[in-house]
Amino acid sequence: MAGTPRKVSVVGDPVLHKISAPVTTFDDSLSTLIDDMFATMQVASGVGLAAPQVGVDLAVFVYDCPDASGVQHVGHLVNPGARLDVRP
């Protein structure tokens, strides 16, 4: 397993109660964070993990989970966003 597991933040941690900062620098420290997040997720037997859950105030998310057909999907998102489509 690449990366080093990090401590998982718990309910009440201030980093979990604010909007994450966007990633502006794409460098080795971001790669290390992503590797560490995957390692943390594996140790916790999780399927997804956001950077604030390991105490980092950045908009980063990693996932490793199967879909309804059993196909495994593994990846990461940096600066993810959501859009609301309102239709009449």
PDB file of N, CA and C in Angstrom:
ATOM      1  N   MET A   1       0.845  -1.172   0.000  1.00  0.00           N
ATOM      2  CA  MET A   1       0.000   0.000   0.000  1.00  0.00           C
ATOM      3  C   MET A   1       0.894   1.239   0.000  1.00  0.00           C
ATOM      4  N   ALA A   2       0.680   2.135  -0.955  1.00  0.00           N
ATOM      5  CA  ALA A   2       1.404   3.401  -0.986  1.00  0.00           C
ATOM      6  C   ALA A   2       0.742   4.370  -0.021  1.00  0.00           C
ATOM      7  N   GLY A   3       1.496   5.276   0.502  1.00  0.00           N
ATOM      8  CA  GLY A   3       0.929   6.263   1.412  1.00  0.00           C
ATOM      9  C   GLY A   3       0.959   5.795   2.848  1.00  0.00           C
ATOM     10  N   THR A   4       0.728   6.733   3.725  1.00  0.00           N
ATOM     11  CA  THR A   4       0.734   6.484   5.165  1.00  0.00           C
ATOM     12  C   THR A   4      -0.637   6.854   5.723  1.00  0.00           C
ATOM     13  N   PRO A   5      -1.272   5.918   6.421  1.00  0.00           N
ATOM     14  CA  PRO A   5      -2.587   6.242   6.999  1.00  0.00           C
ATOM     15  C   PRO A   5      -2.489   7.431   7.946  1.00  0.00           C
ATOM     16  N   ARG A   6      -3.489   8.292   7.897  1.00  0.00           N
ATOM     17  CA  ARG A   6      -3.566   9.458   8.769  1.00  0.00           C
ATOM     18  C   ARG A   6      -4.701   9.294   9.769  1.00  0.00           C
ATOM     19  N   LYS A   7      -4.658  10.081  10.825  1.00  0.00           N
ATOM     20  CA  LYS A   7      -5.713  10.089  11.829  1.00  0.00           C
ATOM     21  C   LYS A   7      -6.998  10.634  11.199  1.00  0.00           C
ATOM     22  N   VAL A   8      -8.108   9.981  11.459  1.00  0.00           N
ATOM     23  CA  VAL A   8      -9.403  10.408  10.925  1.00  0.00           C
ATOM     24  C   VAL A   8     -10.041  11.393  11.900  1.00  0.00           C
ATOM     25  N   SER A   9     -10.486  12.528  11.379  1.00  0.00           N
ATOM     26  CA  SER A   9     -11.165  13.539  12.192  1.00  0.00           C
ATOM     27  C   SER A   9     -12.511  13.010  12.658  1.00  0.00           C
ATOM     28  N   VAL A  10     -12.916  13.453  13.823  1.00  0.00           N
ATOM     29  CA  VAL A  10     -14.184  12.997  14.383  1.00  0.00           C
ATOM     30  C   VAL A  10     -15.174  14.155  14.463  1.00  0.00           C
ATOM     31  N   VAL A  11     -16.412  13.809  14.704  1.00  0.00           N
ATOM     32  CA  VAL A  11     -17.485  14.805  14.821  1.00  0.00           C
ATOM     33  C   VAL A  11     -17.055  15.884  15.819  1.00  0.00           C
ATOM     34  N   GLY A  12     -17.259  17.128  15.431  1.00  0.00           N
ATOM     35  CA  GLY A  12     -16.904  18.249  16.286  1.00  0.00           C
ATOM     36  C   GLY A  12     -15.619  18.932  15.857  1.00  0.00           C
ATOM     37  N   ASP A  13     -14.795  18.257  15.042  1.00  0.00           N
ATOM     38  CA  ASP A  13     -13.557  18.867  14.560  1.00  0.00           C
ATOM     39  C   ASP A  13     -13.932  20.036  13.657  1.00  0.00           C
ATOM     40  N   PRO A  14     -13.380  21.228  13.894  1.00  0.00           N
ATOM     41  CA  PRO A  14     -13.752  22.410  13.104  1.00  0.00           C
ATOM     42  C   PRO A  14     -13.559  22.234  11.595  1.00  0.00           C
ATOM     43  N   VAL A  15     -12.573  21.447  11.167  1.00  0.00           N
ATOM     44  CA  VAL A  15     -12.327  21.282   9.727  1.00  0.00           C
ATOM     45  C   VAL A  15     -13.504  20.613   9.019  1.00  0.00           C
ATOM     46  N   LEU A  16     -14.328  19.901   9.778  1.00  0.00           N
ATOM     47  CA  LEU A  16     -15.485  19.218   9.195  1.00  0.00           C
ATOM     48  C   LEU A  16     -16.693  20.145   9.042  1.00  0.00           C
ATOM     49  N   HIS A  17     -16.594  21.353   9.566  1.00  0.00           N
ATOM     50  CA  HIS A  17     -17.742  22.262   9.582  1.00  0.00           C
ATOM     51  C   HIS A  17     -17.575  23.471   8.675  1.00  0.00           C
ATOM     52  N   LYS A  18     -16.641  23.394   7.734  1.00  0.00           N
ATOM     53  CA  LYS A  18     -16.473  24.538   6.848  1.00  0.00           C
ATOM     54  C   LYS A  18     -16.277  24.073   5.411  1.00  0.00           C
ATOM     55  N   ILE A  19     -16.459  24.984   4.490  1.00  0.00           N
ATOM     56  CA  ILE A  19     -16.257  24.671   3.075  1.00  0.00           C
ATOM     57  C   ILE A  19     -14.764  24.534   2.831  1.00  0.00           C
ATOM     58  N   SER A  20     -14.378  23.471   2.160  1.00  0.00           N
ATOM     59  CA  SER A  20     -12.961  23.208   1.896  1.00  0.00           C
ATOM     60  C   SER A  20     -12.373  24.216   0.919  1.00  0.00           C
ATOM     61  N   ALA A  21     -11.114  24.507   1.119  1.00  0.00           N
ATOM     62  CA  ALA A  21     -10.392  25.410   0.215  1.00  0.00           C
ATOM     63  C   ALA A  21     -10.107  24.695  -1.102  1.00  0.00           C
ATOM     64  N   PRO A  22     -10.158  25.417  -2.207  1.00  0.00           N
ATOM     65  CA  PRO A  22      -9.805  24.786  -3.485  1.00  0.00           C
ATOM     66  C   PRO A  22      -8.308  24.499  -3.557  1.00  0.00           C
ATOM     67  N   VAL A  23      -7.963  23.454  -4.260  1.00  0.00           N
ATOM     68  CA  VAL A  23      -6.554  23.149  -4.506  1.00  0.00           C
ATOM     69  C   VAL A  23      -6.063  24.099  -5.589  1.00  0.00           C
ATOM     70  N   THR A  24      -4.952  24.772  -5.322  1.00  0.00           N
ATOM     71  CA  THR A  24      -4.394  25.705  -6.302  1.00  0.00           C
ATOM     72  C   THR A  24      -3.001  25.285  -6.764  1.00  0.00           C
ATOM     73  N   THR A  25      -2.380  24.376  -6.024  1.00  0.00           N
ATOM     74  CA  THR A  25      -1.041  23.914  -6.370  1.00  0.00           C
ATOM     75  C   THR A  25      -1.080  22.405  -6.562  1.00  0.00           C
ATOM     76  N   PHE A  26      -0.738  21.982  -7.761  1.00  0.00           N
ATOM     77  CA  PHE A  26      -0.734  20.554  -8.089  1.00  0.00           C
ATOM     78  C   PHE A  26       0.718  20.085  -8.097  1.00  0.00           C
ATOM     79  N   ASP A  27       1.157  19.569  -6.938  1.00  0.00           N
ATOM     80  CA  ASP A  27       2.554  19.205  -6.773  1.00  0.00           C
ATOM     81  C   ASP A  27       2.683  17.889  -6.016  1.00  0.00           C
ATOM     82  N   ASP A  28       3.910  17.586  -5.582  1.00  0.00           N
ATOM     83  CA  ASP A  28       4.161  16.329  -4.865  1.00  0.00           C
ATOM     84  C   ASP A  28       3.393  16.244  -3.550  1.00  0.00           C
ATOM     85  N   SER A  29       3.161  17.382  -2.899  1.00  0.00           N
ATOM     86  CA  SER A  29       2.424  17.320  -1.631  1.00  0.00           C
ATOM     87  C   SER A  29       0.971  16.900  -1.859  1.00  0.00           C
ATOM     88  N   LEU A  30       0.387  17.290  -2.985  1.00  0.00           N
ATOM     89  CA  LEU A  30      -0.964  16.837  -3.322  1.00  0.00           C
ATOM     90  C   LEU A  30      -0.951  15.337  -3.600  1.00  0.00           C
ATOM     91  N   SER A  31       0.035  14.871  -4.324  1.00  0.00           N
ATOM     92  CA  SER A  31       0.150  13.429  -4.605  1.00  0.00           C
ATOM     93  C   SER A  31       0.305  12.634  -3.313  1.00  0.00           C
ATOM     94  N   THR A  32       1.103  13.153  -2.391  1.00  0.00           N
ATOM     95  CA  THR A  32       1.292  12.486  -1.099  1.00  0.00           C
ATOM     96  C   THR A  32      -0.016  12.449  -0.325  1.00  0.00           C
ATOM     97  N   LEU A  33      -0.746  13.568  -0.324  1.00  0.00           N
ATOM     98  CA  LEU A  33      -2.041  13.606   0.358  1.00  0.00           C
ATOM     99  C   LEU A  33      -2.973  12.551  -0.209  1.00  0.00           C
ATOM    100  N   ILE A  34      -3.058  12.477  -1.526  1.00  0.00           N
ATOM    101  CA  ILE A  34      -3.953  11.495  -2.166  1.00  0.00           C
ATOM    102  C   ILE A  34      -3.528  10.069  -1.808  1.00  0.00           C
ATOM    103  N   ASP A  35      -2.237   9.772  -1.862  1.00  0.00           N
ATOM    104  CA  ASP A  35      -1.745   8.442  -1.470  1.00  0.00           C
ATOM    105  C   ASP A  35      -2.093   8.144  -0.015  1.00  0.00           C
ATOM    106  N   ASP A  36      -1.889   9.132   0.867  1.00  0.00           N
ATOM    107  CA  ASP A  36      -2.204   8.941   2.284  1.00  0.00           C
ATOM    108  C   ASP A  36      -3.699   8.745   2.502  1.00  0.00           C
ATOM    109  N   MET A  37      -4.515   9.442   1.731  1.00  0.00           N
ATOM    110  CA  MET A  37      -5.961   9.281   1.862  1.00  0.00           C
ATOM    111  C   MET A  37      -6.399   7.877   1.446  1.00  0.00           C
ATOM    112  N   PHE A  38      -5.816   7.353   0.358  1.00  0.00           N
ATOM    113  CA  PHE A  38      -6.142   5.972  -0.036  1.00  0.00           C
ATOM    114  C   PHE A  38      -5.723   4.991   1.053  1.00  0.00           C
ATOM    115  N   ALA A  39      -4.541   5.191   1.629  1.00  0.00           N
ATOM    116  CA  ALA A  39      -4.068   4.309   2.697  1.00  0.00           C
ATOM    117  C   ALA A  39      -4.999   4.379   3.904  1.00  0.00           C
ATOM    118  N   THR A  40      -5.427   5.586   4.261  1.00  0.00           N
ATOM    119  CA  THR A  40      -6.334   5.774   5.393  1.00  0.00           C
ATOM    120  C   THR A  40      -7.672   5.091   5.126  1.00  0.00           C
ATOM    121  N   MET A  41      -8.180   5.262   3.911  1.00  0.00           N
ATOM    122  CA  MET A  41      -9.463   4.658   3.546  1.00  0.00           C
ATOM    123  C   MET A  41      -9.385   3.131   3.620  1.00  0.00           C
ATOM    124  N   GLN A  42      -8.270   2.556   3.166  1.00  0.00           N
ATOM    125  CA  GLN A  42      -8.122   1.100   3.209  1.00  0.00           C
ATOM    126  C   GLN A  42      -8.085   0.595   4.645  1.00  0.00           C
ATOM    127  N   VAL A  43      -7.344   1.276   5.506  1.00  0.00           N
ATOM    128  CA  VAL A  43      -7.255   0.871   6.907  1.00  0.00           C
ATOM    129  C   VAL A  43      -8.628   0.933   7.575  1.00  0.00           C
ATOM    130  N   ALA A  44      -9.424   1.933   7.184  1.00  0.00           N
ATOM    131  CA  ALA A  44     -10.754   2.114   7.773  1.00  0.00           C
ATOM    132  C   ALA A  44     -11.834   1.288   7.081  1.00  0.00           C
ATOM    133  N   SER A  45     -11.439   0.504   6.073  1.00  0.00           N
ATOM    134  CA  SER A  45     -12.387  -0.299   5.295  1.00  0.00           C
ATOM    135  C   SER A  45     -13.488   0.577   4.697  1.00  0.00           C
ATOM    136  N   GLY A  46     -13.104   1.746   4.223  1.00  0.00           N
ATOM    137  CA  GLY A  46     -14.067   2.671   3.645  1.00  0.00           C
ATOM    138  C   GLY A  46     -14.142   2.552   2.138  1.00  0.00           C
ATOM    139  N   VAL A  47     -15.069   3.297   1.560  1.00  0.00           N
ATOM    140  CA  VAL A  47     -15.229   3.329   0.100  1.00  0.00           C
ATOM    141  C   VAL A  47     -15.017   4.733  -0.457  1.00  0.00           C
ATOM    142  N   GLY A  48     -14.912   5.720   0.422  1.00  0.00           N
ATOM    143  CA  GLY A  48     -14.679   7.093   0.001  1.00  0.00           C
ATOM    144  C   GLY A  48     -14.182   7.906   1.185  1.00  0.00           C
ATOM    145  N   LEU A  49     -13.375   8.932   0.883  1.00  0.00           N
ATOM    146  CA  LEU A  49     -12.817   9.750   1.952  1.00  0.00           C
ATOM    147  C   LEU A  49     -12.514  11.145   1.410  1.00  0.00           C
ATOM    148  N   ALA A  50     -12.917  12.167   2.150  1.00  0.00           N
ATOM    149  CA  ALA A  50     -12.631  13.554   1.787  1.00  0.00           C
ATOM    150  C   ALA A  50     -11.473  14.062   2.641  1.00  0.00           C
ATOM    151  N   ALA A  51     -10.681  14.975   2.082  1.00  0.00           N
ATOM    152  CA  ALA A  51      -9.505  15.498   2.782  1.00  0.00           C
ATOM    153  C   ALA A  51      -9.831  16.043   4.181  1.00  0.00           C
ATOM    154  N   PRO A  52     -10.947  16.760   4.381  1.00  0.00           N
ATOM    155  CA  PRO A  52     -11.235  17.229   5.739  1.00  0.00           C
ATOM    156  C   PRO A  52     -11.357  16.089   6.761  1.00  0.00           C
ATOM    157  N   GLN A  53     -11.700  14.905   6.301  1.00  0.00           N
ATOM    158  CA  GLN A  53     -11.817  13.775   7.223  1.00  0.00           C
ATOM    159  C   GLN A  53     -10.460  13.328   7.761  1.00  0.00           C
ATOM    160  N   VAL A  54      -9.376  13.792   7.136  1.00  0.00           N
ATOM    161  CA  VAL A  54      -8.035  13.527   7.675  1.00  0.00           C
ATOM    162  C   VAL A  54      -7.393  14.846   8.111  1.00  0.00           C
ATOM    163  N   GLY A  55      -8.238  15.846   8.392  1.00  0.00           N
ATOM    164  CA  GLY A  55      -7.770  17.101   8.953  1.00  0.00           C
ATOM    165  C   GLY A  55      -7.162  18.077   7.979  1.00  0.00           C
ATOM    166  N   VAL A  56      -7.380  17.877   6.680  1.00  0.00           N
ATOM    167  CA  VAL A  56      -6.798  18.754   5.661  1.00  0.00           C
ATOM    168  C   VAL A  56      -7.908  19.564   5.005  1.00  0.00           C
ATOM    169  N   ASP A  57      -7.763  20.874   5.059  1.00  0.00           N
ATOM    170  CA  ASP A  57      -8.777  21.782   4.527  1.00  0.00           C
ATOM    171  C   ASP A  57      -8.563  22.017   3.031  1.00  0.00           C
ATOM    172  N   LEU A  58      -8.762  20.953   2.241  1.00  0.00           N
ATOM    173  CA  LEU A  58      -8.659  21.048   0.782  1.00  0.00           C
ATOM    174  C   LEU A  58      -9.789  20.255   0.144  1.00  0.00           C
ATOM    175  N   ALA A  59     -10.217  20.675  -1.029  1.00  0.00           N
ATOM    176  CA  ALA A  59     -11.293  20.011  -1.762  1.00  0.00           C
ATOM    177  C   ALA A  59     -10.731  18.832  -2.556  1.00  0.00           C
ATOM    178  N   VAL A  60     -10.529  17.725  -1.863  1.00  0.00           N
ATOM    179  CA  VAL A  60     -10.002  16.495  -2.464  1.00  0.00           C
ATOM    180  C   VAL A  60     -10.839  15.334  -1.947  1.00  0.00           C
ATOM    181  N   PHE A  61     -11.142  14.391  -2.822  1.00  0.00           N
ATOM    182  CA  PHE A  61     -11.945  13.215  -2.468  1.00  0.00           C
ATOM    183  C   PHE A  61     -11.352  11.993  -3.163  1.00  0.00           C
ATOM    184  N   VAL A  62     -11.245  10.869  -2.446  1.00  0.00           N
ATOM    185  CA  VAL A  62     -10.799   9.604  -3.053  1.00  0.00           C
ATOM    186  C   VAL A  62     -11.892   8.564  -2.881  1.00  0.00           C
ATOM    187  N   TYR A  63     -11.945   7.609  -3.814  1.00  0.00           N
ATOM    188  CA  TYR A  63     -12.961   6.565  -3.725  1.00  0.00           C
ATOM    189  C   TYR A  63     -12.418   5.242  -4.260  1.00  0.00           C
ATOM    190  N   ASP A  64     -12.978   4.162  -3.751  1.00  0.00           N
ATOM    191  CA  ASP A  64     -12.650   2.798  -4.178  1.00  0.00           C
ATOM    192  C   ASP A  64     -13.868   1.948  -3.824  1.00  0.00           C
ATOM    193  N   CYS A  65     -14.776   1.799  -4.792  1.00  0.00           N
ATOM    194  CA  CYS A  65     -16.022   1.098  -4.496  1.00  0.00           C
ATOM    195  C   CYS A  65     -16.582   0.432  -5.755  1.00  0.00           C
ATOM    196  N   PRO A  66     -17.359  -0.630  -5.548  1.00  0.00           N
ATOM    197  CA  PRO A  66     -17.979  -1.295  -6.690  1.00  0.00           C
ATOM    198  C   PRO A  66     -19.287  -0.616  -7.076  1.00  0.00           C
ATOM    199  N   ASP A  67     -19.649  -0.753  -8.360  1.00  0.00           N
ATOM    200  CA  ASP A  67     -20.964  -0.274  -8.780  1.00  0.00           C
ATOM    201  C   ASP A  67     -21.968  -1.405  -8.635  1.00  0.00           C
ATOM    202  N   ALA A  68     -23.181  -1.195  -9.082  1.00  0.00           N
ATOM    203  CA  ALA A  68     -24.248  -2.186  -8.928  1.00  0.00           C
ATOM    204  C   ALA A  68     -23.943  -3.492  -9.659  1.00  0.00           C
ATOM    205  N   SER A  69     -23.059  -3.439 -10.669  1.00  0.00           N
ATOM    206  CA  SER A  69     -22.696  -4.645 -11.422  1.00  0.00           C
ATOM    207  C   SER A  69     -21.469  -5.348 -10.840  1.00  0.00           C
ATOM    208  N   GLY A  70     -20.900  -4.774  -9.776  1.00  0.00           N
ATOM    209  CA  GLY A  70     -19.722  -5.377  -9.161  1.00  0.00           C
ATOM    210  C   GLY A  70     -18.399  -4.903  -9.747  1.00  0.00           C
ATOM    211  N   VAL A  71     -18.442  -3.960 -10.678  1.00  0.00           N
ATOM    212  CA  VAL A  71     -17.221  -3.408 -11.264  1.00  0.00           C
ATOM    213  C   VAL A  71     -16.608  -2.417 -10.279  1.00  0.00           C
ATOM    214  N   GLN A  72     -15.332  -2.612  -9.967  1.00  0.00           N
ATOM    215  CA  GLN A  72     -14.641  -1.743  -9.008  1.00  0.00           C
ATOM    216  C   GLN A  72     -14.209  -0.434  -9.667  1.00  0.00           C
ATOM    217  N   HIS A  73     -14.487   0.675  -9.007  1.00  0.00           N
ATOM    218  CA  HIS A  73     -14.100   2.003  -9.497  1.00  0.00           C
ATOM    219  C   HIS A  73     -13.184   2.645  -8.463  1.00  0.00           C
ATOM    220  N   VAL A  74     -12.024   3.089  -8.912  1.00  0.00           N
ATOM    221  CA  VAL A  74     -11.026   3.680  -8.030  1.00  0.00           C
ATOM    222  C   VAL A  74     -10.587   5.005  -8.645  1.00  0.00           C
ATOM    223  N   GLY A  75     -10.546   6.051  -7.844  1.00  0.00           N
ATOM    224  CA  GLY A  75     -10.087   7.319  -8.382  1.00  0.00           C
ATOM    225  C   GLY A  75     -10.054   8.408  -7.339  1.00  0.00           C
ATOM    226  N   HIS A  76      -9.751   9.597  -7.798  1.00  0.00           N
ATOM    227  CA  HIS A  76      -9.748  10.761  -6.927  1.00  0.00           C
ATOM    228  C   HIS A  76     -10.289  11.973  -7.686  1.00  0.00           C
ATOM    229  N   LEU A  77     -10.853  12.898  -6.933  1.00  0.00           N
ATOM    230  CA  LEU A  77     -11.383  14.140  -7.479  1.00  0.00           C
ATOM    231  C   LEU A  77     -10.712  15.300  -6.760  1.00  0.00           C
ATOM    232  N   VAL A  78     -10.292  16.288  -7.530  1.00  0.00           N
ATOM    233  CA  VAL A  78      -9.709  17.496  -6.959  1.00  0.00           C
ATOM    234  C   VAL A  78     -10.596  18.660  -7.381  1.00  0.00           C
ATOM    235  N   ASN A  79     -10.983  19.470  -6.426  1.00  0.00           N
ATOM    236  CA  ASN A  79     -11.897  20.593  -6.644  1.00  0.00           C
ATOM    237  C   ASN A  79     -13.221  20.151  -7.279  1.00  0.00           C
ATOM    238  N   PRO A  80     -13.855  19.109  -6.713  1.00  0.00           N
ATOM    239  CA  PRO A  80     -15.138  18.673  -7.275  1.00  0.00           C
ATOM    240  C   PRO A  80     -16.211  19.729  -7.038  1.00  0.00           C
ATOM    241  N   GLY A  81     -17.209  19.700  -7.870  1.00  0.00           N
ATOM    242  CA  GLY A  81     -18.319  20.631  -7.714  1.00  0.00           C
ATOM    243  C   GLY A  81     -19.621  19.940  -8.056  1.00  0.00           C
ATOM    244  N   ALA A  82     -20.686  20.571  -7.705  1.00  0.00           N
ATOM    245  CA  ALA A  82     -22.014  20.044  -8.022  1.00  0.00           C
ATOM    246  C   ALA A  82     -22.817  21.145  -8.683  1.00  0.00           C
ATOM    247  N   ARG A  83     -23.698  20.742  -9.555  1.00  0.00           N
ATOM    248  CA  ARG A  83     -24.554  21.698 -10.231  1.00  0.00           C
ATOM    249  C   ARG A  83     -25.997  21.269 -10.047  1.00  0.00           C
ATOM    250  N   LEU A  84     -26.834  22.213  -9.774  1.00  0.00           N
ATOM    251  CA  LEU A  84     -28.248  21.937  -9.590  1.00  0.00           C
ATOM    252  C   LEU A  84     -28.972  22.377 -10.854  1.00  0.00           C
ATOM    253  N   ASP A  85     -29.605  21.414 -11.495  1.00  0.00           N
ATOM    254  CA  ASP A  85     -30.406  21.708 -12.690  1.00  0.00           C
ATOM    255  C   ASP A  85     -31.865  21.779 -12.269  1.00  0.00           C
ATOM    256  N   VAL A  86     -32.464  22.909 -12.434  1.00  0.00           N
ATOM    257  CA  VAL A  86     -33.879  23.087 -12.101  1.00  0.00           C
ATOM    258  C   VAL A  86     -34.645  23.118 -13.400  1.00  0.00           C
ATOM    259  N   ARG A  87     -35.534  22.177 -13.559  1.00  0.00           N
ATOM    260  CA  ARG A  87     -36.328  22.084 -14.787  1.00  0.00           C
ATOM    261  C   ARG A  87     -37.798  22.251 -14.466  1.00  0.00           C
ATOM    262  N   PRO A  88     -38.497  22.939 -15.372  1.00  0.00           N
ATOM    263  CA  PRO A  88     -39.948  23.154 -15.125  1.00  0.00           C
ATOM    264  C   PRO A  88     -40.745  21.877 -15.188  1.00  0.00           C
TER     265      PRO A  88
END
